[in-house]
Amino acid sequence: MLYAIISQDVPDSLPLRKQARADHLARLETLRDQGRLILAGPHPALDSEEPGDAGFTGSLVVAEFESLEAAQTWADADPYIAAGVYAQVTVKPFKKVLP
C-alpha cells in the first residue's frame, strides 16, 4: 500500500538540511531503485522552486510499504530527524487516484 510521509521543518532548517542531505537522498534513491517511490520533495518556504536562503518548510514522500508500521519505522530513521531538521513527521495511508 502507499503511504504519505508529511514532514514539517523546524525554523531556519536550511543549514541542518544541507548537513544531512546526502544521507537523506540516499535512502530515497534506494526506494526509487526498488520501484517503491512515487514522489518525494521539499516544500519551498517561498513561492519559488529555488527559494535560496529562505529554505524549506517541510517535505513530502509518497512510497509503497508493507504496512503503516513499516512506513513509520522507515520515516523514523530519516537522517533529517537525527539532524534536527524535522519538528514533526506524520505518516498516513495514501490512495492514489490520478493520474
N, C-alpha and C. Protein backbone atom coordinates (compact mmCIF):
# COMPACT_ATOMS: atom_id res chain seq x y z
N MET A 1 0.84 -1.17 0.00
CA MET A 1 0.00 0.00 0.00
C MET A 1 0.89 1.24 0.00
N LEU A 2 0.32 2.34 -0.49
CA LEU A 2 1.05 3.60 -0.49
C LEU A 2 0.83 4.35 0.83
N TYR A 3 1.87 5.11 1.21
CA TYR A 3 1.82 5.93 2.42
C TYR A 3 2.42 7.29 2.11
N ALA A 4 1.82 8.32 2.69
CA ALA A 4 2.34 9.69 2.59
C ALA A 4 3.08 9.99 3.89
N ILE A 5 4.30 10.46 3.74
CA ILE A 5 5.11 10.88 4.88
C ILE A 5 5.24 12.39 4.76
N ILE A 6 4.59 13.10 5.67
CA ILE A 6 4.48 14.55 5.63
C ILE A 6 5.29 15.12 6.79
N SER A 7 6.33 15.86 6.47
CA SER A 7 7.25 16.36 7.49
C SER A 7 7.23 17.88 7.54
N GLN A 8 7.29 18.40 8.75
CA GLN A 8 7.36 19.85 8.99
C GLN A 8 8.74 20.17 9.55
N ASP A 9 9.40 21.15 8.96
CA ASP A 9 10.73 21.55 9.42
C ASP A 9 10.67 22.44 10.66
N VAL A 10 11.77 22.43 11.39
CA VAL A 10 11.97 23.43 12.44
C VAL A 10 12.27 24.75 11.74
N PRO A 11 12.13 25.88 12.42
CA PRO A 11 12.51 27.17 11.80
C PRO A 11 13.99 27.19 11.41
N ASP A 12 14.28 27.85 10.31
CA ASP A 12 15.67 28.02 9.84
C ASP A 12 16.41 26.68 9.69
N SER A 13 15.77 25.74 9.04
CA SER A 13 16.31 24.39 8.92
C SER A 13 17.35 24.21 7.82
N LEU A 14 17.54 25.20 6.96
CA LEU A 14 18.39 25.02 5.78
C LEU A 14 19.81 24.53 6.12
N PRO A 15 20.51 25.09 7.08
CA PRO A 15 21.85 24.57 7.39
C PRO A 15 21.82 23.11 7.84
N LEU A 16 20.80 22.74 8.59
CA LEU A 16 20.67 21.35 9.03
C LEU A 16 20.37 20.43 7.85
N ARG A 17 19.52 20.88 6.94
CA ARG A 17 19.20 20.10 5.74
C ARG A 17 20.46 19.84 4.92
N LYS A 18 21.25 20.90 4.71
CA LYS A 18 22.46 20.76 3.91
C LYS A 18 23.41 19.72 4.50
N GLN A 19 23.49 19.69 5.80
CA GLN A 19 24.38 18.78 6.50
C GLN A 19 23.99 17.31 6.30
N ALA A 20 22.70 17.02 6.28
CA ALA A 20 22.22 15.64 6.22
C ALA A 20 21.66 15.24 4.86
N ARG A 21 21.72 16.13 3.88
CA ARG A 21 21.05 15.91 2.59
C ARG A 21 21.52 14.65 1.86
N ALA A 22 22.81 14.42 1.81
CA ALA A 22 23.33 13.26 1.05
C ALA A 22 22.76 11.95 1.60
N ASP A 23 22.75 11.80 2.91
CA ASP A 23 22.21 10.57 3.52
C ASP A 23 20.70 10.47 3.33
N HIS A 24 20.02 11.61 3.42
CA HIS A 24 18.56 11.64 3.21
C HIS A 24 18.23 11.19 1.78
N LEU A 25 18.95 11.74 0.80
CA LEU A 25 18.69 11.39 -0.60
C LEU A 25 19.04 9.93 -0.90
N ALA A 26 20.09 9.41 -0.27
CA ALA A 26 20.48 8.02 -0.50
C ALA A 26 19.35 7.06 -0.14
N ARG A 27 18.65 7.33 0.94
CA ARG A 27 17.52 6.48 1.34
C ARG A 27 16.38 6.56 0.33
N LEU A 28 16.13 7.76 -0.18
CA LEU A 28 15.08 7.93 -1.19
C LEU A 28 15.48 7.24 -2.49
N GLU A 29 16.74 7.31 -2.85
CA GLU A 29 17.21 6.64 -4.07
C GLU A 29 17.07 5.13 -3.95
N THR A 30 17.26 4.58 -2.76
CA THR A 30 17.06 3.15 -2.55
C THR A 30 15.60 2.77 -2.80
N LEU A 31 14.67 3.56 -2.25
CA LEU A 31 13.24 3.31 -2.52
C LEU A 31 12.95 3.39 -4.02
N ARG A 32 13.53 4.40 -4.67
CA ARG A 32 13.33 4.55 -6.12
C ARG A 32 13.85 3.32 -6.86
N ASP A 33 15.04 2.89 -6.52
CA ASP A 33 15.65 1.75 -7.19
C ASP A 33 14.86 0.46 -6.96
N GLN A 34 14.14 0.39 -5.86
CA GLN A 34 13.28 -0.76 -5.56
C GLN A 34 11.91 -0.64 -6.23
N GLY A 35 11.66 0.48 -6.91
CA GLY A 35 10.38 0.70 -7.57
C GLY A 35 9.26 1.05 -6.62
N ARG A 36 9.59 1.53 -5.42
CA ARG A 36 8.58 1.81 -4.39
C ARG A 36 8.31 3.30 -4.20
N LEU A 37 9.11 4.17 -4.78
CA LEU A 37 8.96 5.61 -4.59
C LEU A 37 8.05 6.20 -5.67
N ILE A 38 6.98 6.87 -5.25
CA ILE A 38 6.07 7.53 -6.17
C ILE A 38 6.52 8.96 -6.41
N LEU A 39 6.80 9.68 -5.33
CA LEU A 39 7.32 11.05 -5.44
C LEU A 39 7.93 11.45 -4.11
N ALA A 40 8.82 12.43 -4.19
CA ALA A 40 9.45 12.97 -2.99
C ALA A 40 9.97 14.36 -3.28
N GLY A 41 9.88 15.23 -2.29
CA GLY A 41 10.44 16.55 -2.46
C GLY A 41 10.09 17.46 -1.30
N PRO A 42 10.79 18.60 -1.25
CA PRO A 42 10.57 19.56 -0.17
C PRO A 42 9.50 20.59 -0.52
N HIS A 43 9.02 21.27 0.51
CA HIS A 43 8.10 22.39 0.36
C HIS A 43 8.91 23.68 0.48
N PRO A 44 9.12 24.42 -0.63
CA PRO A 44 9.88 25.67 -0.55
C PRO A 44 9.19 26.68 0.38
N ALA A 45 9.99 27.44 1.10
CA ALA A 45 9.45 28.45 2.01
C ALA A 45 8.87 29.65 1.25
N LEU A 46 9.28 29.80 0.01
CA LEU A 46 8.76 30.86 -0.86
C LEU A 46 8.04 30.24 -2.04
N ASP A 47 7.25 31.01 -2.73
CA ASP A 47 6.57 30.54 -3.93
C ASP A 47 7.56 30.52 -5.09
N SER A 48 8.52 29.60 -4.99
CA SER A 48 9.60 29.50 -5.96
C SER A 48 10.22 28.11 -5.87
N GLU A 49 10.61 27.56 -7.01
CA GLU A 49 11.29 26.27 -6.99
C GLU A 49 12.67 26.37 -6.37
N GLU A 50 13.26 27.55 -6.42
CA GLU A 50 14.59 27.79 -5.85
C GLU A 50 14.47 28.88 -4.78
N PRO A 51 14.14 28.53 -3.55
CA PRO A 51 13.90 29.55 -2.52
C PRO A 51 15.16 30.17 -1.92
N GLY A 52 16.32 29.71 -2.35
CA GLY A 52 17.56 30.28 -1.85
C GLY A 52 17.68 30.15 -0.34
N ASP A 53 18.13 31.21 0.31
CA ASP A 53 18.36 31.19 1.75
C ASP A 53 17.08 31.05 2.57
N ALA A 54 15.91 31.25 1.95
CA ALA A 54 14.64 31.07 2.67
C ALA A 54 14.44 29.60 3.03
N GLY A 55 15.01 28.71 2.23
CA GLY A 55 14.97 27.29 2.53
C GLY A 55 13.62 26.64 2.33
N PHE A 56 13.31 25.70 3.18
CA PHE A 56 12.13 24.86 3.03
C PHE A 56 11.38 24.75 4.34
N THR A 57 10.10 24.41 4.25
CA THR A 57 9.26 24.30 5.44
C THR A 57 8.90 22.86 5.79
N GLY A 58 9.26 21.93 4.92
CA GLY A 58 8.95 20.53 5.17
C GLY A 58 9.16 19.71 3.92
N SER A 59 8.68 18.48 3.97
CA SER A 59 8.87 17.55 2.85
C SER A 59 7.66 16.63 2.72
N LEU A 60 7.53 16.06 1.53
CA LEU A 60 6.50 15.05 1.26
C LEU A 60 7.15 13.88 0.55
N VAL A 61 6.88 12.68 1.05
CA VAL A 61 7.30 11.45 0.39
C VAL A 61 6.06 10.59 0.25
N VAL A 62 5.83 10.05 -0.94
CA VAL A 62 4.79 9.05 -1.15
C VAL A 62 5.49 7.81 -1.68
N ALA A 63 5.35 6.72 -0.93
CA ALA A 63 6.05 5.49 -1.29
C ALA A 63 5.25 4.28 -0.84
N GLU A 64 5.63 3.14 -1.39
CA GLU A 64 4.97 1.88 -1.06
C GLU A 64 5.71 1.19 0.09
N PHE A 65 4.94 0.75 1.09
CA PHE A 65 5.46 -0.01 2.21
C PHE A 65 4.51 -1.16 2.50
N GLU A 66 5.00 -2.15 3.24
CA GLU A 66 4.19 -3.32 3.58
C GLU A 66 3.04 -2.98 4.52
N SER A 67 3.26 -1.95 5.36
CA SER A 67 2.26 -1.61 6.37
C SER A 67 2.51 -0.21 6.87
N LEU A 68 1.54 0.32 7.61
CA LEU A 68 1.71 1.62 8.25
C LEU A 68 2.90 1.58 9.22
N GLU A 69 3.02 0.49 9.93
CA GLU A 69 4.14 0.35 10.87
C GLU A 69 5.49 0.39 10.14
N ALA A 70 5.58 -0.29 8.99
CA ALA A 70 6.83 -0.27 8.22
C ALA A 70 7.13 1.13 7.70
N ALA A 71 6.10 1.84 7.24
CA ALA A 71 6.29 3.21 6.76
C ALA A 71 6.74 4.12 7.90
N GLN A 72 6.15 3.95 9.08
CA GLN A 72 6.52 4.77 10.24
C GLN A 72 7.96 4.48 10.67
N THR A 73 8.33 3.21 10.66
CA THR A 73 9.70 2.83 11.02
C THR A 73 10.70 3.44 10.04
N TRP A 74 10.38 3.40 8.76
CA TRP A 74 11.26 4.00 7.75
C TRP A 74 11.36 5.50 7.98
N ALA A 75 10.24 6.15 8.20
CA ALA A 75 10.22 7.60 8.41
C ALA A 75 11.02 7.98 9.67
N ASP A 76 10.89 7.19 10.73
CA ASP A 76 11.58 7.49 11.98
C ASP A 76 13.10 7.41 11.85
N ALA A 77 13.58 6.69 10.84
CA ALA A 77 15.02 6.52 10.64
C ALA A 77 15.61 7.55 9.68
N ASP A 78 14.84 8.53 9.27
CA ASP A 78 15.32 9.53 8.32
C ASP A 78 16.47 10.33 8.92
N PRO A 79 17.57 10.50 8.19
CA PRO A 79 18.68 11.31 8.68
C PRO A 79 18.29 12.75 9.03
N TYR A 80 17.25 13.27 8.41
CA TYR A 80 16.80 14.61 8.76
C TYR A 80 16.26 14.67 10.20
N ILE A 81 15.72 13.57 10.70
CA ILE A 81 15.27 13.53 12.09
C ILE A 81 16.49 13.59 13.01
N ALA A 82 17.48 12.75 12.72
CA ALA A 82 18.70 12.74 13.55
C ALA A 82 19.40 14.09 13.53
N ALA A 83 19.32 14.80 12.40
CA ALA A 83 19.98 16.10 12.26
C ALA A 83 19.17 17.25 12.85
N GLY A 84 17.94 16.96 13.28
CA GLY A 84 17.10 18.00 13.87
C GLY A 84 16.36 18.87 12.87
N VAL A 85 16.23 18.41 11.62
CA VAL A 85 15.54 19.17 10.58
C VAL A 85 14.04 19.20 10.82
N TYR A 86 13.48 18.06 11.18
CA TYR A 86 12.03 17.94 11.28
C TYR A 86 11.54 18.18 12.70
N ALA A 87 10.52 19.01 12.82
CA ALA A 87 9.84 19.23 14.09
C ALA A 87 8.75 18.19 14.28
N GLN A 88 8.15 17.74 13.16
CA GLN A 88 7.04 16.79 13.22
C GLN A 88 7.00 15.98 11.94
N VAL A 89 6.66 14.71 12.07
CA VAL A 89 6.50 13.82 10.92
C VAL A 89 5.20 13.06 11.11
N THR A 90 4.35 13.10 10.07
CA THR A 90 3.09 12.38 10.08
C THR A 90 3.11 11.36 8.95
N VAL A 91 2.71 10.14 9.24
CA VAL A 91 2.64 9.07 8.24
C VAL A 91 1.19 8.63 8.14
N LYS A 92 0.67 8.65 6.90
CA LYS A 92 -0.74 8.30 6.67
C LYS A 92 -0.84 7.38 5.45
N PRO A 93 -1.81 6.46 5.46
CA PRO A 93 -2.10 5.71 4.25
C PRO A 93 -2.51 6.69 3.14
N PHE A 94 -2.17 6.32 1.91
CA PHE A 94 -2.44 7.20 0.77
C PHE A 94 -3.04 6.36 -0.36
N LYS A 95 -4.14 6.82 -0.93
CA LYS A 95 -4.76 6.13 -2.07
C LYS A 95 -4.59 7.00 -3.31
N LYS A 96 -3.79 6.51 -4.23
CA LYS A 96 -3.57 7.23 -5.48
C LYS A 96 -4.77 7.05 -6.39
N VAL A 97 -5.34 8.17 -6.85
CA VAL A 97 -6.49 8.13 -7.75
C VAL A 97 -6.08 8.57 -9.15
N LEU A 98 -5.35 9.67 -9.26
CA LEU A 98 -4.89 10.18 -10.55
C LEU A 98 -3.44 10.58 -10.46
N PRO A 99 -2.68 10.64 -11.46
CA PRO A 99 -3.00 10.09 -12.77
C PRO A 99 -2.91 8.59 -12.76
